[in-house]
Amino acid sequence: MTVRAASPDVIADAAALLRAGKLVAFPTETVYGLGGDATNAQAVAHIYAAKGRPSFNPLIVHVAGPEWVAGLALPDGRFDKLTRKFWPGPLTLVMKRRPDTTAAELLSGGLDTIAVRAPDHPLARDLLLAVKRPLAAPSANPSGRLSPTTAAHVQESLGNKVDLILDGGACRIGLESTVLDITGDVATILRPGSLTAAEISAVIGPVAVSTHDPERPAAPGQMASHYAPGLPVRLGATTAHTGEALLGFGDTPGAVMNLSAAGDPVEAAANLFAMLRALDDPRRFEAIAVAPIPDAGIGAAINDRLRRAAAPRY
C-alpha cells in the first residue's frame, strides 16, 4: 500500500490499477472512498472483503456526470431536476437498475436498485475521467467503523488492503452524502446528509424520510450500528463521567475536543469523524460522551451518525 499526493502521473497510475481490478482510495468532498471498477465483479468483491462489509449492504457507484447513468439505471424526470441542481455534489440517487446494466450485480446487495452519485472533488472527477468507468466506492474504512476524512485515516484503518491511496488533503464536508430513493411515487431520504430535505423538496416537491429495517438496508449506511469508534459512545452529555472523553459543541465546559466552539453545525460535520477517531484511545479513555447538537439542517445528519455510533453492537 502506497500513499501518493495527487498529480497527473499519479492519477494515471491509479487509473491503470483500477482498470486492472485493483483498489484505490481517493478523496471526495464528503469522505474518502475505497474505489474499485464497478463493472468488474471481482473488484467489487474485493471491496466487500477489504471492508469486511456484509454482502447485503449495497455500495454507491461514483460517476463523472449524469450522462454516465444511462448505462446503469432507469432514471425519471426527477433525476434531471436533481442532477441539474445538486450534481456534482453530496447527493446519492437510488434508481431502478437497468436490466442490461454494465455494473456488477453484487454491488446492489441483492436489490433491483442501484445507488449513484457524482462527487464534487477535482481529484475524484479527474480519476473517473482517467478510468473511463464508474467506480464503486464506499467509505474507505472497515465496515461499521468511523469514516475516513484524510489519507492518514485510510492508511491507519485499511493498511495493505488497498493498493494505492491518493492523498488529496482533508475532505471539505466530512459527512457522507444524502441518499435519496427516487424509485417510488414519493422520493424518500434513506440516509440524511449535508443536503437537507428542505433543499431537495424545493426542487421536486415533498419528500419522505425512511423508517427502514436495519437488518435489511436499502441503501449504504443504514445498519443500526455504524460509523462507530471502538469505545462506547454516550449521547446528550453535558458533563463527562469518570473515564469519559467529552466531545463538545458550542459552550461545553470540560470538553476534551469541541466539534465547533462557535456552535456551527457545518463546522461540526466536517470535524465529526476526525475528532471521534482522535478520542477513540483506550489508553486515555473508557468511553466518549458527546454534547447535544441541534437536530436541524445538517445537524439531523450529524445526529443520525451519532445514534448509529452509540447503537448496541452485536
Protein backbone atom coordinates (compact mmCIF):
# COMPACT_ATOMS: atom_id res chain seq x y z
CA MET A 1 0.00 0.00 0.00
CA THR A 2 1.33 3.41 -1.03
CA VAL A 3 0.14 6.93 -0.20
CA ARG A 4 0.83 9.38 -3.01
CA ALA A 5 -0.01 13.06 -3.45
CA ALA A 6 -2.18 13.67 -6.49
CA SER A 7 -0.55 14.65 -9.79
CA PRO A 8 -1.36 13.81 -13.42
CA ASP A 9 1.14 10.92 -13.39
CA VAL A 10 -0.21 9.56 -10.10
CA ILE A 11 -3.80 9.75 -11.35
CA ALA A 12 -2.75 7.86 -14.49
CA ASP A 13 -1.14 5.17 -12.33
CA ALA A 14 -4.25 4.96 -10.15
CA ALA A 15 -6.47 4.62 -13.22
CA ALA A 16 -4.31 1.76 -14.52
CA LEU A 17 -4.62 -0.04 -11.19
CA LEU A 18 -8.41 0.35 -11.20
CA ARG A 19 -8.72 -0.93 -14.77
CA ALA A 20 -6.68 -3.96 -13.66
CA GLY A 21 -9.19 -4.73 -10.89
CA LYS A 22 -7.17 -3.25 -8.00
CA LEU A 23 -8.46 -0.98 -5.20
CA VAL A 24 -7.61 2.72 -4.91
CA ALA A 25 -8.71 5.03 -2.09
CA PHE A 26 -9.43 8.60 -3.12
CA PRO A 27 -10.90 11.76 -1.60
CA THR A 28 -14.32 13.19 -2.29
CA GLU A 29 -15.94 16.27 -0.80
CA THR A 30 -17.67 14.02 1.76
CA VAL A 31 -15.24 11.28 2.90
CA TYR A 32 -12.50 9.14 1.34
CA GLY A 33 -13.85 6.33 -0.84
CA LEU A 34 -12.47 2.85 -1.43
CA GLY A 35 -12.70 2.65 -5.19
CA GLY A 36 -12.96 -0.35 -7.48
CA ASP A 37 -14.19 -0.82 -11.05
CA ALA A 38 -17.98 -1.02 -10.73
CA THR A 39 -18.18 -3.14 -13.89
CA ASN A 40 -15.75 -5.75 -12.53
CA ALA A 41 -17.47 -8.23 -10.18
CA GLN A 42 -14.15 -9.42 -8.77
CA ALA A 43 -13.07 -5.87 -7.94
CA VAL A 44 -16.41 -5.26 -6.22
CA ALA A 45 -15.96 -8.48 -4.23
CA HIS A 46 -12.52 -7.25 -3.16
CA ILE A 47 -14.12 -4.07 -1.79
CA TYR A 48 -16.51 -6.10 0.37
CA ALA A 49 -13.61 -8.28 1.56
CA ALA A 50 -11.31 -5.34 2.35
CA LYS A 51 -14.00 -3.63 4.42
CA GLY A 52 -15.44 -6.79 6.00
CA ARG A 53 -18.77 -5.47 4.72
CA PRO A 54 -21.92 -7.64 4.64
CA SER A 55 -22.75 -8.57 1.04
CA PHE A 56 -26.37 -7.43 1.51
CA ASN A 57 -25.22 -3.85 2.22
CA PRO A 58 -25.22 -2.05 -1.17
CA LEU A 59 -22.41 0.16 -2.48
CA ILE A 60 -22.56 3.61 -4.06
CA VAL A 61 -21.40 3.93 -7.67
CA HIS A 62 -19.49 7.11 -8.50
CA VAL A 63 -19.77 8.68 -11.95
CA ALA A 64 -18.30 11.74 -13.63
CA GLY A 65 -21.70 13.17 -14.55
CA PRO A 66 -25.39 12.47 -15.34
CA GLU A 67 -24.57 11.21 -18.83
CA TRP A 68 -22.85 8.16 -17.30
CA VAL A 69 -26.07 6.99 -15.65
CA ALA A 70 -27.75 5.84 -18.88
CA GLY A 71 -25.79 2.57 -18.82
CA LEU A 72 -26.51 1.91 -15.15
CA ALA A 73 -30.05 2.89 -14.18
CA LEU A 74 -33.55 3.86 -15.33
CA PRO A 75 -33.94 7.47 -14.15
CA ASP A 76 -37.08 9.59 -14.41
CA GLY A 77 -37.78 13.32 -14.70
CA ARG A 78 -36.84 13.92 -11.07
CA PHE A 79 -33.32 12.74 -11.89
CA ASP A 80 -32.89 15.55 -14.40
CA LYS A 81 -34.12 18.20 -11.96
CA LEU A 82 -32.00 16.92 -9.09
CA THR A 83 -28.79 16.46 -11.05
CA ARG A 84 -29.05 19.89 -12.66
CA LYS A 85 -29.29 21.42 -9.18
CA PHE A 86 -27.12 19.20 -6.99
CA TRP A 87 -24.58 17.31 -9.15
CA PRO A 88 -21.71 17.18 -8.75
CA GLY A 89 -22.28 17.11 -5.02
CA PRO A 90 -23.24 15.15 -1.90
CA LEU A 91 -26.46 13.61 -3.25
CA THR A 92 -26.74 9.87 -3.97
CA LEU A 93 -29.74 8.82 -6.04
CA VAL A 94 -31.23 5.34 -5.74
CA MET A 95 -32.87 4.25 -9.00
CA LYS A 96 -34.03 1.05 -10.67
CA ARG A 97 -31.14 -0.87 -12.22
CA ARG A 98 -31.12 -1.30 -15.97
CA PRO A 99 -31.72 -4.97 -16.78
CA ASP A 100 -28.67 -4.81 -19.05
CA THR A 101 -26.59 -2.62 -16.72
CA THR A 102 -22.82 -2.69 -17.06
CA ALA A 103 -22.45 -2.60 -13.26
CA ALA A 104 -21.68 -5.76 -11.28
CA GLU A 105 -24.82 -7.19 -9.67
CA LEU A 106 -23.01 -7.74 -6.36
CA LEU A 107 -22.78 -4.02 -5.58
CA SER A 108 -26.59 -3.72 -5.32
CA GLY A 109 -26.72 -6.05 -2.31
CA GLY A 110 -29.36 -8.28 -3.86
CA LEU A 111 -31.72 -5.39 -4.64
CA ASP A 112 -33.11 -4.36 -8.04
CA THR A 113 -31.86 -0.81 -7.48
CA ILE A 114 -28.54 0.98 -7.83
CA ALA A 115 -27.18 3.99 -5.89
CA VAL A 116 -25.26 6.58 -7.92
CA ARG A 117 -23.62 9.95 -7.31
CA ALA A 118 -21.21 12.38 -8.98
CA PRO A 119 -18.60 13.56 -6.44
CA ASP A 120 -17.71 17.25 -6.22
CA HIS A 121 -13.94 16.91 -5.83
CA PRO A 122 -11.48 17.67 -8.64
CA LEU A 123 -9.29 14.68 -7.85
CA ALA A 124 -12.24 12.28 -7.83
CA ARG A 125 -13.51 13.69 -11.13
CA ASP A 126 -10.06 13.52 -12.74
CA LEU A 127 -9.73 9.90 -11.62
CA LEU A 128 -13.12 8.93 -13.02
CA LEU A 129 -12.34 10.57 -16.35
CA ALA A 130 -8.98 8.79 -16.46
CA VAL A 131 -10.50 5.37 -15.70
CA LYS A 132 -13.46 5.97 -18.06
CA ARG A 133 -15.53 3.58 -15.95
CA PRO A 134 -17.90 4.04 -12.99
CA LEU A 135 -16.32 3.31 -9.63
CA ALA A 136 -17.94 1.51 -6.72
CA ALA A 137 -16.65 3.44 -3.72
CA PRO A 138 -17.96 3.05 -0.18
CA SER A 139 -16.11 4.85 2.61
CA ALA A 140 -12.51 3.64 2.89
CA ASN A 141 -12.71 2.08 6.36
CA PRO A 142 -13.60 -1.25 7.96
CA SER A 143 -17.35 -1.82 7.86
CA GLY A 144 -19.23 -0.13 10.67
CA ARG A 145 -16.29 1.96 11.84
CA LEU A 146 -15.57 5.69 11.56
CA SER A 147 -15.41 7.06 8.04
CA PRO A 148 -12.04 8.49 6.94
CA THR A 149 -11.64 12.18 6.14
CA THR A 150 -7.86 12.15 5.49
CA ALA A 151 -5.45 9.83 3.68
CA ALA A 152 -3.81 9.03 7.04
CA HIS A 153 -7.16 7.71 8.35
CA VAL A 154 -7.35 5.31 5.39
CA GLN A 155 -3.77 4.17 5.94
CA GLU A 156 -4.41 3.52 9.64
CA SER A 157 -7.62 1.55 9.14
CA LEU A 158 -7.08 -0.42 5.92
CA GLY A 159 -3.29 -0.72 5.63
CA ASN A 160 -2.25 -3.13 2.88
CA LYS A 161 -5.86 -3.97 1.92
CA VAL A 162 -5.77 -1.09 -0.58
CA ASP A 163 -3.29 -0.89 -3.45
CA LEU A 164 -2.94 2.91 -3.55
CA ILE A 165 -4.19 5.86 -1.51
CA LEU A 166 -4.49 9.19 -3.33
CA ASP A 167 -3.82 11.99 -0.85
CA GLY A 168 -5.99 15.00 -1.60
CA GLY A 169 -5.95 16.54 1.87
CA ALA A 170 -8.85 16.71 4.32
CA CYS A 171 -12.39 16.29 2.99
CA ARG A 172 -14.37 19.53 2.81
CA ILE A 173 -17.73 18.29 4.16
CA GLY A 174 -16.62 15.32 6.25
CA LEU A 175 -20.05 13.64 6.32
CA GLU A 176 -21.40 11.07 3.86
CA SER A 177 -23.82 12.02 1.11
CA THR A 178 -27.58 12.27 1.43
CA VAL A 179 -29.14 9.14 -0.09
CA LEU A 180 -32.45 9.74 -1.89
CA ASP A 181 -34.63 6.95 -3.31
CA ILE A 182 -36.49 8.07 -6.44
CA THR A 183 -37.96 4.71 -7.39
CA GLY A 184 -41.39 5.39 -5.84
CA ASP A 185 -44.09 8.00 -6.38
CA VAL A 186 -42.72 9.97 -3.41
CA ALA A 187 -38.94 10.43 -3.17
CA THR A 188 -37.60 9.12 0.15
CA ILE A 189 -34.46 10.05 2.08
CA LEU A 190 -32.83 6.76 3.07
CA ARG A 191 -29.80 8.36 4.73
CA PRO A 192 -29.60 12.02 5.81
CA GLY A 193 -26.55 14.05 4.83
CA SER A 194 -25.39 17.60 4.32
CA LEU A 195 -28.04 18.14 1.65
CA THR A 196 -31.30 18.58 3.56
CA ALA A 197 -34.89 17.53 2.92
CA ALA A 198 -35.88 21.19 2.60
CA GLU A 199 -33.32 21.77 -0.15
CA ILE A 200 -34.46 18.69 -2.03
CA SER A 201 -38.19 19.39 -1.68
CA ALA A 202 -37.63 22.88 -3.09
CA VAL A 203 -36.65 21.17 -6.36
CA ILE A 204 -39.01 18.16 -6.63
CA GLY A 205 -41.74 18.73 -4.05
CA PRO A 206 -42.39 16.87 -0.77
CA VAL A 207 -40.03 14.07 0.25
CA ALA A 208 -40.46 11.33 2.84
CA VAL A 209 -37.92 10.07 5.37
CA SER A 210 -37.37 6.32 5.60
CA THR A 211 -38.15 4.16 8.61
CA HIS A 212 -36.04 1.24 7.45
CA ASP A 213 -35.24 -2.24 8.65
CA PRO A 214 -31.61 -2.04 9.81
CA GLU A 215 -31.21 -5.79 9.23
CA ARG A 216 -32.00 -5.32 5.53
CA PRO A 217 -30.58 -1.99 4.40
CA ALA A 218 -31.95 -0.43 1.22
CA ALA A 219 -29.02 1.98 0.97
CA PRO A 220 -25.46 2.36 2.24
CA GLY A 221 -25.08 3.45 5.86
CA GLN A 222 -28.41 2.14 7.15
CA MET A 223 -27.10 -0.53 9.54
CA ALA A 224 -28.24 0.11 13.13
CA SER A 225 -24.66 0.11 14.41
CA HIS A 226 -22.44 2.04 12.02
CA TYR A 227 -19.85 4.85 11.95
CA ALA A 228 -18.68 3.57 15.33
CA PRO A 229 -15.40 4.09 17.20
CA GLY A 230 -14.02 1.24 19.29
CA LEU A 231 -15.03 2.89 22.56
CA PRO A 232 -18.67 3.13 23.69
CA VAL A 233 -20.44 6.41 22.85
CA ARG A 234 -22.90 8.25 25.12
CA LEU A 235 -25.08 10.99 23.64
CA GLY A 236 -26.68 14.12 25.08
CA ALA A 237 -23.88 14.66 27.60
CA THR A 238 -23.34 17.98 29.36
CA THR A 239 -20.55 16.67 31.58
CA ALA A 240 -18.21 13.68 31.41
CA HIS A 241 -18.49 10.66 33.66
CA THR A 242 -15.36 9.13 35.14
CA GLY A 243 -13.17 7.76 32.35
CA GLU A 244 -15.07 9.52 29.56
CA ALA A 245 -13.76 11.99 26.99
CA LEU A 246 -16.26 14.80 26.48
CA LEU A 247 -16.73 15.90 22.86
CA GLY A 248 -18.30 19.33 22.94
CA PHE A 249 -20.45 21.52 20.75
CA GLY A 250 -20.81 25.23 21.41
CA ASP A 251 -20.20 26.24 25.02
CA THR A 252 -19.22 22.92 26.62
CA PRO A 253 -17.05 23.34 29.74
CA GLY A 254 -14.64 20.49 30.27
CA ALA A 255 -14.68 19.30 26.67
CA VAL A 256 -11.52 17.49 25.59
CA MET A 257 -12.29 18.46 22.00
CA ASN A 258 -15.04 20.64 20.52
CA LEU A 259 -16.79 19.96 17.22
CA SER A 260 -17.49 23.69 16.91
CA ALA A 261 -16.91 26.13 19.75
CA ALA A 262 -18.99 28.63 17.76
CA GLY A 263 -21.92 26.19 17.57
CA ASP A 264 -21.68 25.94 13.77
CA PRO A 265 -23.18 22.60 12.62
CA VAL A 266 -21.37 22.76 9.27
CA GLU A 267 -18.03 23.01 11.07
CA ALA A 268 -19.16 20.21 13.40
CA ALA A 269 -19.94 17.93 10.46
CA ALA A 270 -16.51 18.49 8.97
CA ASN A 271 -14.86 17.64 12.33
CA LEU A 272 -17.09 14.77 13.43
CA PHE A 273 -15.26 11.65 12.27
CA ALA A 274 -11.75 13.03 12.77
CA MET A 275 -12.49 14.05 16.37
CA LEU A 276 -14.25 10.80 17.24
CA ARG A 277 -11.24 8.99 15.85
CA ALA A 278 -8.83 11.14 17.89
CA LEU A 279 -10.74 10.41 21.13
CA ASP A 280 -11.02 6.69 20.40
CA ASP A 281 -7.99 5.89 22.55
CA PRO A 282 -8.45 3.18 25.21
CA ARG A 283 -5.10 4.16 26.76
CA ARG A 284 -6.64 7.50 27.78
CA PHE A 285 -10.40 6.97 27.95
CA GLU A 286 -13.04 4.32 28.62
CA ALA A 287 -15.84 5.92 26.59
CA ILE A 288 -16.75 9.03 24.58
CA ALA A 289 -19.51 11.39 25.72
CA VAL A 290 -20.95 13.77 23.10
CA ALA A 291 -22.71 17.06 23.80
CA PRO A 292 -26.18 17.69 22.34
CA ILE A 293 -26.35 19.02 18.77
CA PRO A 294 -29.49 20.77 17.43
CA ASP A 295 -31.43 18.39 15.19
CA ALA A 296 -31.99 20.83 12.33
CA GLY A 297 -30.44 21.09 8.87
CA ILE A 298 -27.14 19.24 8.71
CA GLY A 299 -27.48 18.67 12.47
CA ALA A 300 -30.03 15.93 11.66
CA ALA A 301 -27.37 14.10 9.63
CA ILE A 302 -24.79 14.50 12.41
CA ASN A 303 -27.22 13.09 14.96
CA ASP A 304 -28.05 10.19 12.63
CA ARG A 305 -24.35 9.24 12.54
CA LEU A 306 -24.02 9.68 16.32
CA ARG A 307 -27.04 7.47 17.03
CA ARG A 308 -25.51 4.73 14.93
CA ALA A 309 -22.14 5.21 16.63
CA ALA A 310 -23.86 4.77 20.01
CA ALA A 311 -26.10 1.85 18.98
CA PRO A 312 -25.67 -1.58 20.59
CA ARG A 313 -23.07 -3.74 18.85
CA TYR A 314 -23.67 -7.40 18.25
